[in-house]
Amino acid sequence: MSVKIRLQRHGKKGKPFFHIVVADARAKRDGKFIEKLGTYNPVANPAIIDLNVDSAVKWLNNGAQPSDTARAILSYKGALYKKHLMGGVAKGAFDEAEAEKRFNAWLENKEKQVEDKKSSLSQSKADAKKAALEAEAKVNQARLDAVAKAEADAKAAEEAQLAEAKAAEEAANTPAVEETTEEVVAETTEEPTAEGTEEPQA
């Protein structure tokens, strides 16, 4: 019987969730399985993987063939590396305690990488939120400036209209005053009559 380590799809539409299972290669994708090794949630960032590494190593040593995605998950969680270390123990290259020590050091390094990724994602989210708030503040300020400019333009136009109306009113009143002044000047500068300017007789 050919045995494979593969994924079974569960979850809702657009929100997949997978079980990592050991199943007969002839079984349907979501059909019967021999053993469940863990779960895989690709929706989260970074993806959440829960895997029984020891069981996965046992099945790999028994000849189970992982699918491409399952192989990437097993590599990510260190199952393939642990299988490699167990091969070294079987060959006598080092003992089981050394293999466990190396595997634990690898796990610590991997966890550190995951934490760094999480912190970088959090920082990116915070930066994106800050940039969005700054952009919104700029848009709001631009709107306020536009409103203030419109109000200033309207006030200036109103003042210009008032000034024009006042000038027109003054222009309408000025000619009458000028006529009156001209009449007074004309009366005062009239030439004296002939009677008043007779020359005395010798």
N, C-alpha and C. Protein backbone atom coordinates (compact mmCIF):
# COMPACT_ATOMS: atom_id res chain seq x y z
N MET A 1 0.86 -1.20 0.00
CA MET A 1 0.00 0.00 0.00
C MET A 1 0.89 1.24 0.00
N SER A 2 0.62 2.15 -0.96
CA SER A 2 1.37 3.40 -1.04
C SER A 2 0.72 4.42 -0.11
N VAL A 3 1.53 4.97 0.78
CA VAL A 3 1.02 5.91 1.78
C VAL A 3 1.58 7.30 1.48
N LYS A 4 0.71 8.30 1.61
CA LYS A 4 1.13 9.68 1.35
C LYS A 4 0.79 10.56 2.56
N ILE A 5 1.62 11.56 2.75
CA ILE A 5 1.31 12.63 3.71
C ILE A 5 0.82 13.82 2.90
N ARG A 6 -0.41 14.24 3.13
CA ARG A 6 -1.01 15.28 2.30
C ARG A 6 -2.00 16.11 3.11
N LEU A 7 -2.63 17.04 2.43
CA LEU A 7 -3.55 17.96 3.09
C LEU A 7 -5.01 17.60 2.77
N GLN A 8 -5.85 17.71 3.77
CA GLN A 8 -7.29 17.62 3.58
C GLN A 8 -7.89 19.00 3.79
N ARG A 9 -8.67 19.44 2.82
CA ARG A 9 -9.24 20.79 2.93
C ARG A 9 -10.49 20.79 3.79
N HIS A 10 -10.54 21.79 4.68
CA HIS A 10 -11.72 22.05 5.50
C HIS A 10 -11.94 23.56 5.49
N GLY A 11 -12.82 24.05 6.34
CA GLY A 11 -13.04 25.50 6.41
C GLY A 11 -14.10 25.97 5.45
N LYS A 12 -14.31 27.29 5.43
CA LYS A 12 -15.35 27.90 4.62
C LYS A 12 -14.80 28.32 3.26
N LYS A 13 -15.72 28.75 2.41
CA LYS A 13 -15.32 29.27 1.10
C LYS A 13 -14.54 30.57 1.29
N GLY A 14 -13.34 30.62 0.66
CA GLY A 14 -12.49 31.80 0.80
C GLY A 14 -11.68 31.82 2.08
N LYS A 15 -11.94 30.88 3.00
CA LYS A 15 -11.18 30.78 4.25
C LYS A 15 -10.77 29.31 4.46
N PRO A 16 -9.80 28.84 3.69
CA PRO A 16 -9.43 27.43 3.78
C PRO A 16 -8.72 27.10 5.09
N PHE A 17 -8.90 25.87 5.50
CA PHE A 17 -8.23 25.34 6.69
C PHE A 17 -7.92 23.87 6.38
N PHE A 18 -6.70 23.44 6.63
CA PHE A 18 -6.28 22.10 6.20
C PHE A 18 -5.87 21.23 7.38
N HIS A 19 -6.17 19.93 7.23
CA HIS A 19 -5.64 18.93 8.14
C HIS A 19 -4.48 18.23 7.43
N ILE A 20 -3.39 18.02 8.16
CA ILE A 20 -2.25 17.28 7.63
C ILE A 20 -2.43 15.83 8.03
N VAL A 21 -2.61 14.96 7.05
CA VAL A 21 -2.97 13.58 7.34
C VAL A 21 -2.05 12.60 6.61
N VAL A 22 -2.04 11.38 7.14
CA VAL A 22 -1.40 10.25 6.47
C VAL A 22 -2.55 9.42 5.89
N ALA A 23 -2.53 9.21 4.58
CA ALA A 23 -3.65 8.51 3.93
C ALA A 23 -3.15 7.61 2.82
N ASP A 24 -3.99 6.66 2.46
CA ASP A 24 -3.70 5.81 1.32
C ASP A 24 -3.70 6.68 0.06
N ALA A 25 -2.73 6.45 -0.82
CA ALA A 25 -2.62 7.27 -2.03
C ALA A 25 -3.85 7.13 -2.91
N ARG A 26 -4.60 6.01 -2.77
CA ARG A 26 -5.78 5.79 -3.61
C ARG A 26 -7.04 6.43 -3.03
N ALA A 27 -6.96 6.89 -1.78
CA ALA A 27 -8.13 7.50 -1.14
C ALA A 27 -8.39 8.88 -1.72
N LYS A 28 -9.64 9.32 -1.60
CA LYS A 28 -10.00 10.66 -2.06
C LYS A 28 -9.29 11.71 -1.21
N ARG A 29 -9.20 12.92 -1.77
CA ARG A 29 -8.48 13.98 -1.07
C ARG A 29 -9.04 14.21 0.32
N ASP A 30 -10.36 14.31 0.43
CA ASP A 30 -11.00 14.58 1.72
C ASP A 30 -11.66 13.32 2.28
N GLY A 31 -11.16 12.15 1.84
CA GLY A 31 -11.76 10.88 2.29
C GLY A 31 -11.11 10.35 3.56
N LYS A 32 -11.08 9.02 3.65
CA LYS A 32 -10.55 8.37 4.85
C LYS A 32 -9.04 8.59 4.95
N PHE A 33 -8.55 8.61 6.18
CA PHE A 33 -7.11 8.75 6.40
C PHE A 33 -6.70 7.81 7.52
N ILE A 34 -5.39 7.58 7.59
CA ILE A 34 -4.86 6.65 8.58
C ILE A 34 -4.59 7.37 9.90
N GLU A 35 -3.95 8.53 9.82
CA GLU A 35 -3.61 9.28 11.03
C GLU A 35 -3.55 10.77 10.71
N LYS A 36 -4.02 11.56 11.65
CA LYS A 36 -3.94 13.02 11.52
C LYS A 36 -2.67 13.50 12.23
N LEU A 37 -1.82 14.24 11.49
CA LEU A 37 -0.55 14.71 12.04
C LEU A 37 -0.62 16.14 12.56
N GLY A 38 -1.57 16.93 12.06
CA GLY A 38 -1.64 18.32 12.51
C GLY A 38 -2.58 19.14 11.65
N THR A 39 -2.47 20.46 11.77
CA THR A 39 -3.34 21.38 11.02
C THR A 39 -2.49 22.48 10.40
N TYR A 40 -3.09 23.11 9.39
CA TYR A 40 -2.40 24.20 8.67
C TYR A 40 -3.43 25.27 8.33
N ASN A 41 -3.19 26.48 8.81
CA ASN A 41 -4.10 27.61 8.54
C ASN A 41 -3.35 28.66 7.72
N PRO A 42 -3.57 28.69 6.38
CA PRO A 42 -2.84 29.64 5.53
C PRO A 42 -3.41 31.05 5.54
N VAL A 43 -4.58 31.23 6.16
CA VAL A 43 -5.22 32.55 6.13
C VAL A 43 -4.46 33.54 7.02
N ALA A 44 -3.95 33.03 8.15
CA ALA A 44 -3.20 33.90 9.06
C ALA A 44 -1.88 34.32 8.43
N ASN A 45 -1.32 35.42 8.93
CA ASN A 45 -0.03 35.89 8.45
C ASN A 45 0.87 36.20 9.65
N PRO A 46 1.92 35.40 9.91
CA PRO A 46 2.33 34.22 9.14
C PRO A 46 1.39 33.05 9.37
N ALA A 47 1.46 32.05 8.47
CA ALA A 47 0.57 30.90 8.55
C ALA A 47 0.77 30.16 9.87
N ILE A 48 -0.34 29.60 10.40
CA ILE A 48 -0.29 28.85 11.66
C ILE A 48 -0.24 27.36 11.33
N ILE A 49 0.82 26.71 11.80
CA ILE A 49 1.01 25.28 11.55
C ILE A 49 1.17 24.57 12.88
N ASP A 50 0.33 23.55 13.11
CA ASP A 50 0.44 22.71 14.30
C ASP A 50 0.75 21.29 13.81
N LEU A 51 1.93 20.79 14.13
CA LEU A 51 2.37 19.51 13.59
C LEU A 51 3.01 18.65 14.66
N ASN A 52 2.64 17.37 14.67
CA ASN A 52 3.29 16.38 15.53
C ASN A 52 4.55 15.90 14.80
N VAL A 53 5.68 16.50 15.13
CA VAL A 53 6.92 16.25 14.40
C VAL A 53 7.36 14.80 14.53
N ASP A 54 7.25 14.22 15.74
CA ASP A 54 7.72 12.85 15.95
C ASP A 54 6.91 11.85 15.11
N SER A 55 5.59 12.05 15.06
CA SER A 55 4.77 11.14 14.24
C SER A 55 5.10 11.31 12.77
N ALA A 56 5.33 12.57 12.34
CA ALA A 56 5.68 12.80 10.95
C ALA A 56 7.00 12.11 10.60
N VAL A 57 8.00 12.20 11.50
CA VAL A 57 9.29 11.55 11.26
C VAL A 57 9.11 10.03 11.19
N LYS A 58 8.26 9.50 12.07
CA LYS A 58 8.02 8.05 12.07
C LYS A 58 7.46 7.59 10.74
N TRP A 59 6.48 8.35 10.21
CA TRP A 59 5.87 7.97 8.93
C TRP A 59 6.85 8.17 7.77
N LEU A 60 7.66 9.19 7.84
CA LEU A 60 8.67 9.39 6.79
C LEU A 60 9.68 8.23 6.78
N ASN A 61 10.05 7.78 7.97
CA ASN A 61 10.99 6.65 8.06
C ASN A 61 10.35 5.35 7.58
N ASN A 62 9.02 5.29 7.65
CA ASN A 62 8.32 4.09 7.19
C ASN A 62 8.01 4.15 5.70
N GLY A 63 8.45 5.22 5.02
CA GLY A 63 8.31 5.27 3.57
C GLY A 63 7.15 6.13 3.06
N ALA A 64 6.46 6.87 3.94
CA ALA A 64 5.37 7.73 3.48
C ALA A 64 5.94 8.86 2.62
N GLN A 65 5.27 9.15 1.50
CA GLN A 65 5.73 10.18 0.57
C GLN A 65 4.87 11.44 0.73
N PRO A 66 5.48 12.56 1.11
CA PRO A 66 4.69 13.80 1.25
C PRO A 66 4.40 14.44 -0.11
N SER A 67 3.25 15.11 -0.20
CA SER A 67 2.96 15.94 -1.38
C SER A 67 3.86 17.16 -1.35
N ASP A 68 3.86 17.95 -2.42
CA ASP A 68 4.76 19.11 -2.48
C ASP A 68 4.48 20.09 -1.34
N THR A 69 3.19 20.41 -1.12
CA THR A 69 2.84 21.35 -0.05
C THR A 69 3.16 20.76 1.32
N ALA A 70 2.84 19.47 1.49
CA ALA A 70 3.13 18.82 2.77
C ALA A 70 4.64 18.77 3.02
N ARG A 71 5.44 18.56 1.97
CA ARG A 71 6.89 18.55 2.13
C ARG A 71 7.39 19.92 2.60
N ALA A 72 6.84 21.01 2.01
CA ALA A 72 7.24 22.36 2.42
C ALA A 72 6.87 22.60 3.89
N ILE A 73 5.70 22.10 4.32
CA ILE A 73 5.28 22.27 5.71
C ILE A 73 6.18 21.47 6.64
N LEU A 74 6.49 20.22 6.26
CA LEU A 74 7.37 19.38 7.09
C LEU A 74 8.76 20.00 7.20
N SER A 75 9.24 20.60 6.10
CA SER A 75 10.54 21.25 6.14
C SER A 75 10.49 22.49 7.04
N TYR A 76 9.41 23.24 6.95
CA TYR A 76 9.26 24.46 7.75
C TYR A 76 9.23 24.15 9.24
N LYS A 77 8.59 23.05 9.61
CA LYS A 77 8.48 22.68 11.02
C LYS A 77 9.64 21.81 11.51
N GLY A 78 10.56 21.45 10.63
CA GLY A 78 11.75 20.74 11.06
C GLY A 78 11.65 19.22 11.04
N ALA A 79 10.55 18.68 10.50
CA ALA A 79 10.41 17.21 10.48
C ALA A 79 11.46 16.57 9.57
N LEU A 80 11.71 17.19 8.41
CA LEU A 80 12.71 16.64 7.50
C LEU A 80 14.11 16.73 8.11
N TYR A 81 14.37 17.83 8.83
CA TYR A 81 15.69 17.98 9.47
C TYR A 81 15.87 16.94 10.58
N LYS A 82 14.81 16.69 11.33
CA LYS A 82 14.90 15.69 12.40
C LYS A 82 15.09 14.29 11.82
N LYS A 83 14.43 14.01 10.69
CA LYS A 83 14.65 12.72 10.02
C LYS A 83 16.11 12.57 9.61
N HIS A 84 16.67 13.67 9.09
CA HIS A 84 18.08 13.67 8.70
C HIS A 84 18.98 13.40 9.91
N LEU A 85 18.65 14.04 11.05
CA LEU A 85 19.45 13.82 12.26
C LEU A 85 19.32 12.37 12.75
N MET A 86 18.11 11.82 12.67
CA MET A 86 17.92 10.43 13.09
C MET A 86 18.71 9.48 12.20
N GLY A 87 18.84 9.84 10.92
CA GLY A 87 19.69 9.05 10.02
C GLY A 87 21.14 9.10 10.46
N GLY A 88 21.60 10.25 10.93
CA GLY A 88 22.97 10.37 11.45
C GLY A 88 23.17 9.53 12.69
N VAL A 89 22.15 9.48 13.56
CA VAL A 89 22.23 8.66 14.77
C VAL A 89 22.31 7.19 14.38
N ALA A 90 21.49 6.78 13.40
CA ALA A 90 21.49 5.38 12.96
C ALA A 90 22.84 4.98 12.37
N LYS A 91 23.51 5.92 11.73
CA LYS A 91 24.82 5.62 11.13
C LYS A 91 25.96 5.72 12.15
N GLY A 92 25.67 6.22 13.34
CA GLY A 92 26.68 6.34 14.37
C GLY A 92 27.52 7.60 14.27
N ALA A 93 27.07 8.59 13.50
CA ALA A 93 27.83 9.84 13.38
C ALA A 93 27.81 10.62 14.69
N PHE A 94 26.71 10.55 15.43
CA PHE A 94 26.58 11.18 16.75
C PHE A 94 25.46 10.47 17.50
N ASP A 95 25.37 10.76 18.78
CA ASP A 95 24.33 10.08 19.57
C ASP A 95 23.01 10.83 19.54
N GLU A 96 22.00 10.24 20.17
CA GLU A 96 20.66 10.83 20.15
C GLU A 96 20.60 12.14 20.92
N ALA A 97 21.39 12.28 21.97
CA ALA A 97 21.41 13.53 22.75
C ALA A 97 21.94 14.69 21.90
N GLU A 98 22.97 14.41 21.11
CA GLU A 98 23.51 15.45 20.22
C GLU A 98 22.49 15.82 19.16
N ALA A 99 21.79 14.82 18.64
CA ALA A 99 20.76 15.08 17.63
C ALA A 99 19.66 15.97 18.22
N GLU A 100 19.25 15.65 19.45
CA GLU A 100 18.21 16.45 20.12
C GLU A 100 18.69 17.87 20.37
N LYS A 101 19.95 18.01 20.75
CA LYS A 101 20.52 19.34 20.98
C LYS A 101 20.53 20.16 19.70
N ARG A 102 20.95 19.54 18.61
CA ARG A 102 20.97 20.26 17.32
C ARG A 102 19.56 20.64 16.88
N PHE A 103 18.62 19.73 17.09
CA PHE A 103 17.25 20.02 16.69
C PHE A 103 16.66 21.15 17.51
N ASN A 104 16.92 21.16 18.82
CA ASN A 104 16.41 22.24 19.68
C ASN A 104 17.02 23.59 19.30
N ALA A 105 18.31 23.59 18.94
CA ALA A 105 18.95 24.84 18.50
C ALA A 105 18.31 25.33 17.21
N TRP A 106 18.00 24.39 16.31
CA TRP A 106 17.34 24.77 15.05
C TRP A 106 15.96 25.34 15.33
N LEU A 107 15.23 24.72 16.28
CA LEU A 107 13.89 25.21 16.62
C LEU A 107 13.96 26.62 17.20
N GLU A 108 14.93 26.89 18.07
CA GLU A 108 15.07 28.23 18.65
C GLU A 108 15.34 29.27 17.57
N ASN A 109 16.20 28.93 16.64
CA ASN A 109 16.50 29.84 15.54
C ASN A 109 15.26 30.10 14.68
N LYS A 110 14.50 29.03 14.45
CA LYS A 110 13.29 29.15 13.64
C LYS A 110 12.25 30.02 14.35
N GLU A 111 12.09 29.81 15.64
CA GLU A 111 11.12 30.62 16.40
C GLU A 111 11.53 32.09 16.41
N LYS A 112 12.84 32.33 16.50
CA LYS A 112 13.32 33.71 16.46
C LYS A 112 12.99 34.36 15.12
N GLN A 113 13.17 33.60 14.03
CA GLN A 113 12.83 34.13 12.70
C GLN A 113 11.34 34.44 12.60
N VAL A 114 10.50 33.55 13.15
CA VAL A 114 9.05 33.77 13.11
C VAL A 114 8.68 35.00 13.92
N GLU A 115 9.28 35.15 15.11
CA GLU A 115 8.99 36.33 15.94
C GLU A 115 9.43 37.61 15.25
N ASP A 116 10.60 37.55 14.59
CA ASP A 116 11.07 38.74 13.85
C ASP A 116 10.09 39.10 12.74
N LYS A 117 9.58 38.08 12.07
CA LYS A 117 8.61 38.34 11.01
C LYS A 117 7.34 38.95 11.57
N LYS A 118 6.87 38.42 12.70
CA LYS A 118 5.65 38.97 13.32
C LYS A 118 5.86 40.42 13.72
N SER A 119 7.03 40.71 14.33
CA SER A 119 7.28 42.09 14.76
C SER A 119 7.40 43.03 13.56
N SER A 120 8.03 42.53 12.48
CA SER A 120 8.13 43.38 11.28
C SER A 120 6.76 43.63 10.67
N LEU A 121 5.89 42.61 10.70
CA LEU A 121 4.53 42.79 10.18
C LEU A 121 3.76 43.79 11.04
N SER A 122 3.93 43.68 12.36
CA SER A 122 3.26 44.62 13.26
C SER A 122 3.75 46.05 13.01
N GLN A 123 5.08 46.19 12.84
CA GLN A 123 5.65 47.51 12.56
C GLN A 123 5.13 48.06 11.24
N SER A 124 5.02 47.17 10.23
CA SER A 124 4.52 47.60 8.93
C SER A 124 3.07 48.07 9.04
N LYS A 125 2.27 47.33 9.82
CA LYS A 125 0.87 47.73 10.02
C LYS A 125 0.80 49.08 10.72
N ALA A 126 1.65 49.25 11.76
CA ALA A 126 1.65 50.53 12.49
C ALA A 126 2.07 51.67 11.57
N ASP A 127 3.09 51.43 10.75
CA ASP A 127 3.55 52.47 9.82
C ASP A 127 2.47 52.80 8.79
N ALA A 128 1.80 51.76 8.29
CA ALA A 128 0.75 51.98 7.31
C ALA A 128 -0.41 52.78 7.93
N LYS A 129 -0.75 52.46 9.19
CA LYS A 129 -1.82 53.18 9.87
C LYS A 129 -1.44 54.64 10.09
N LYS A 130 -0.17 54.85 10.49
CA LYS A 130 0.31 56.21 10.71
C LYS A 130 0.29 57.01 9.41
N ALA A 131 0.74 56.37 8.31
CA ALA A 131 0.74 57.06 7.02
C ALA A 131 -0.68 57.39 6.58
N ALA A 132 -1.62 56.45 6.84
CA ALA A 132 -3.02 56.71 6.47
C ALA A 132 -3.59 57.88 7.27
N LEU A 133 -3.26 57.93 8.57
CA LEU A 133 -3.74 59.04 9.40
C LEU A 133 -3.15 60.38 8.94
N GLU A 134 -1.86 60.37 8.59
CA GLU A 134 -1.24 61.59 8.10
C GLU A 134 -1.86 62.04 6.78
N ALA A 135 -2.11 61.08 5.89
CA ALA A 135 -2.74 61.43 4.61
C ALA A 135 -4.15 61.99 4.84
N GLU A 136 -4.88 61.38 5.77
CA GLU A 136 -6.24 61.88 6.08
C GLU A 136 -6.17 63.29 6.67
N ALA A 137 -5.18 63.52 7.54
CA ALA A 137 -5.03 64.85 8.13
C ALA A 137 -4.72 65.89 7.05
N LYS A 138 -3.86 65.50 6.08
CA LYS A 138 -3.54 66.41 4.99
C LYS A 138 -4.78 66.73 4.15
N VAL A 139 -5.59 65.70 3.88
CA VAL A 139 -6.82 65.91 3.10
C VAL A 139 -7.77 66.83 3.85
N ASN A 140 -7.93 66.59 5.16
CA ASN A 140 -8.81 67.44 5.96
C ASN A 140 -8.31 68.88 5.99
N GLN A 141 -6.98 69.05 6.13
CA GLN A 141 -6.41 70.41 6.15
C GLN A 141 -6.62 71.09 4.81
N ALA A 142 -6.48 70.33 3.72
CA ALA A 142 -6.70 70.91 2.39
C ALA A 142 -8.15 71.36 2.24
N ARG A 143 -9.07 70.53 2.77
CA ARG A 143 -10.49 70.91 2.71
C ARG A 143 -10.74 72.19 3.52
N LEU A 144 -10.16 72.25 4.74
CA LEU A 144 -10.33 73.46 5.56
C LEU A 144 -9.75 74.69 4.87
N ASP A 145 -8.58 74.52 4.25
CA ASP A 145 -7.96 75.64 3.53
C ASP A 145 -8.83 76.09 2.37
N ALA A 146 -9.42 75.11 1.66
CA ALA A 146 -10.28 75.44 0.53
C ALA A 146 -11.52 76.21 0.99
N VAL A 147 -12.10 75.75 2.12
CA VAL A 147 -13.28 76.45 2.67
C VAL A 147 -12.91 77.86 3.10
N ALA A 148 -11.77 78.01 3.80
CA ALA A 148 -11.34 79.33 4.25
C ALA A 148 -11.07 80.25 3.05
N LYS A 149 -10.46 79.71 2.00
CA LYS A 149 -10.18 80.50 0.79
C LYS A 149 -11.47 80.94 0.12
N ALA A 150 -12.44 80.01 0.07
CA ALA A 150 -13.73 80.35 -0.54
C ALA A 150 -14.43 81.45 0.26
N GLU A 151 -14.37 81.34 1.60
CA GLU A 151 -14.98 82.38 2.44
C GLU A 151 -14.28 83.72 2.25
N ALA A 152 -12.93 83.68 2.18
CA ALA A 152 -12.18 84.93 1.99
C ALA A 152 -12.50 85.54 0.63
N ASP A 153 -12.61 84.71 -0.41
CA ASP A 153 -12.96 85.23 -1.74
C ASP A 153 -14.35 85.83 -1.75
N ALA A 154 -15.29 85.15 -1.07
CA ALA A 154 -16.66 85.67 -1.01
C ALA A 154 -16.70 87.00 -0.27
N LYS A 155 -15.94 87.09 0.84
CA LYS A 155 -15.91 88.34 1.59
C LYS A 155 -15.28 89.46 0.77
N ALA A 156 -14.19 89.13 0.06
CA ALA A 156 -13.54 90.14 -0.79
C ALA A 156 -14.48 90.61 -1.89
N ALA A 157 -15.23 89.66 -2.50
CA ALA A 157 -16.17 90.03 -3.55
C ALA A 157 -17.28 90.92 -3.00
N GLU A 158 -17.75 90.59 -1.77
CA GLU A 158 -18.80 91.39 -1.15
C GLU A 158 -18.29 92.80 -0.86
N GLU A 159 -17.06 92.90 -0.34
CA GLU A 159 -16.49 94.22 -0.07
C GLU A 159 -16.29 95.01 -1.36
N ALA A 160 -15.90 94.33 -2.43
CA ALA A 160 -15.73 95.01 -3.72
C ALA A 160 -17.06 95.55 -4.22
N GLN A 161 -18.13 94.73 -4.06
CA GLN A 161 -19.46 95.19 -4.49
C GLN A 161 -19.90 96.40 -3.67
N LEU A 162 -19.65 96.36 -2.35
CA LEU A 162 -20.03 97.50 -1.51
C LEU A 162 -19.25 98.74 -1.91
N ALA A 163 -17.96 98.57 -2.21
CA ALA A 163 -17.15 99.72 -2.62
C ALA A 163 -17.65 100.28 -3.94
N GLU A 164 -18.02 99.41 -4.87
CA GLU A 164 -18.56 99.87 -6.17
C GLU A 164 -19.87 100.62 -5.97
N ALA A 165 -20.73 100.07 -5.10
CA ALA A 165 -22.02 100.73 -4.85
C ALA A 165 -21.82 102.10 -4.21
N LYS A 166 -20.87 102.17 -3.28
CA LYS A 166 -20.60 103.45 -2.62
C LYS A 166 -20.03 104.46 -3.61
N ALA A 167 -19.12 103.98 -4.47
CA ALA A 167 -18.54 104.87 -5.48
C ALA A 167 -19.61 105.36 -6.44
N ALA A 168 -20.53 104.46 -6.83
CA ALA A 168 -21.60 104.86 -7.74
C ALA A 168 -22.51 105.90 -7.08
N GLU A 169 -22.78 105.71 -5.79
CA GLU A 169 -23.63 106.66 -5.07
C GLU A 169 -22.96 108.02 -4.98
N GLU A 170 -21.67 108.03 -4.69
CA GLU A 170 -20.94 109.30 -4.63
C GLU A 170 -20.88 109.97 -5.99
N ALA A 171 -20.72 109.15 -7.02
CA ALA A 171 -20.69 109.73 -8.37
C ALA A 171 -22.03 110.33 -8.74
N ALA A 172 -23.12 109.71 -8.26
CA ALA A 172 -24.45 110.24 -8.56
C ALA A 172 -24.68 111.57 -7.83
N ASN A 173 -24.15 111.75 -6.65
CA ASN A 173 -24.37 112.98 -5.88
C ASN A 173 -23.40 114.11 -6.27
N THR A 174 -22.27 113.86 -6.80
CA THR A 174 -21.25 114.87 -7.09
C THR A 174 -21.66 115.86 -8.16
N PRO A 175 -22.27 115.58 -9.31
CA PRO A 175 -22.60 116.55 -10.35
C PRO A 175 -23.50 117.67 -9.86
N ALA A 176 -24.49 117.38 -9.01
CA ALA A 176 -25.40 118.41 -8.52
C ALA A 176 -24.62 119.47 -7.74
N VAL A 177 -23.69 119.03 -6.94
CA VAL A 177 -22.90 119.98 -6.15
C VAL A 177 -22.05 120.84 -7.07
N GLU A 178 -21.48 120.26 -8.13
CA GLU A 178 -20.64 121.00 -9.06
C GLU A 178 -21.44 122.06 -9.80
N GLU A 179 -22.69 121.72 -10.20
CA GLU A 179 -23.54 122.70 -10.90
C GLU A 179 -23.80 123.91 -10.00
N THR A 180 -24.15 123.63 -8.76
CA THR A 180 -24.43 124.72 -7.83
C THR A 180 -23.21 125.62 -7.68
N THR A 181 -22.07 125.07 -7.58
CA THR A 181 -20.84 125.84 -7.44
C THR A 181 -20.59 126.68 -8.67
N GLU A 182 -20.84 126.11 -9.87
CA GLU A 182 -20.63 126.85 -11.11
C GLU A 182 -21.59 128.04 -11.21
N GLU A 183 -22.86 127.84 -10.77
CA GLU A 183 -23.84 128.94 -10.82
C GLU A 183 -23.39 130.09 -9.91
N VAL A 184 -22.91 129.72 -8.68
CA VAL A 184 -22.48 130.76 -7.74
C VAL A 184 -21.29 131.53 -8.31
N VAL A 185 -20.37 130.80 -8.91
CA VAL A 185 -19.19 131.45 -9.50
C VAL A 185 -19.60 132.36 -10.64
N ALA A 186 -20.56 131.92 -11.46
CA ALA A 186 -21.02 132.71 -12.60
C ALA A 186 -21.68 134.00 -12.13
N GLU A 187 -22.47 133.95 -11.08
CA GLU A 187 -23.16 135.13 -10.57
C GLU A 187 -22.16 136.16 -10.04
N THR A 188 -21.15 135.66 -9.36
CA THR A 188 -20.19 136.59 -8.75
C THR A 188 -19.25 137.20 -9.77
N THR A 189 -19.08 136.58 -10.90
CA THR A 189 -18.13 137.08 -11.89
C THR A 189 -18.82 137.78 -13.06
N GLU A 190 -20.13 138.15 -12.88
CA GLU A 190 -20.86 138.83 -13.96
C GLU A 190 -20.31 140.25 -14.14
N GLU A 191 -20.22 140.73 -15.39
CA GLU A 191 -19.71 142.08 -15.66
C GLU A 191 -20.69 143.12 -15.16
N PRO A 192 -20.19 144.21 -14.64
CA PRO A 192 -21.12 145.26 -14.15
C PRO A 192 -21.92 145.88 -15.30
N THR A 193 -23.15 146.32 -14.96
CA THR A 193 -24.05 146.89 -15.97
C THR A 193 -23.53 148.24 -16.46
N ALA A 194 -24.08 148.74 -17.54
CA ALA A 194 -23.64 149.99 -18.15
C ALA A 194 -23.93 151.18 -17.24
N GLU A 195 -25.07 151.07 -16.48
CA GLU A 195 -25.42 152.20 -15.61
C GLU A 195 -24.36 152.35 -14.51
N GLY A 196 -23.94 151.24 -14.03
CA GLY A 196 -23.00 151.33 -12.91
C GLY A 196 -21.61 151.71 -13.34
N THR A 197 -21.35 151.67 -14.63
CA THR A 197 -19.97 151.94 -15.06
C THR A 197 -19.86 153.21 -15.90
N GLU A 198 -20.85 154.17 -15.74
CA GLU A 198 -20.78 155.43 -16.49
C GLU A 198 -19.59 156.24 -16.01
N GLU A 199 -18.96 156.86 -16.95
CA GLU A 199 -17.80 157.70 -16.59
C GLU A 199 -18.30 159.07 -16.13
N PRO A 200 -17.68 159.68 -15.21
CA PRO A 200 -18.11 161.03 -14.75
C PRO A 200 -17.89 162.08 -15.83
N GLN A 201 -18.87 163.02 -15.87
CA GLN A 201 -18.77 164.08 -16.91
C GLN A 201 -17.75 165.11 -16.49
N ALA A 202 -17.09 165.63 -17.44
CA ALA A 202 -16.05 166.62 -17.18
C ALA A 202 -16.69 167.97 -16.88
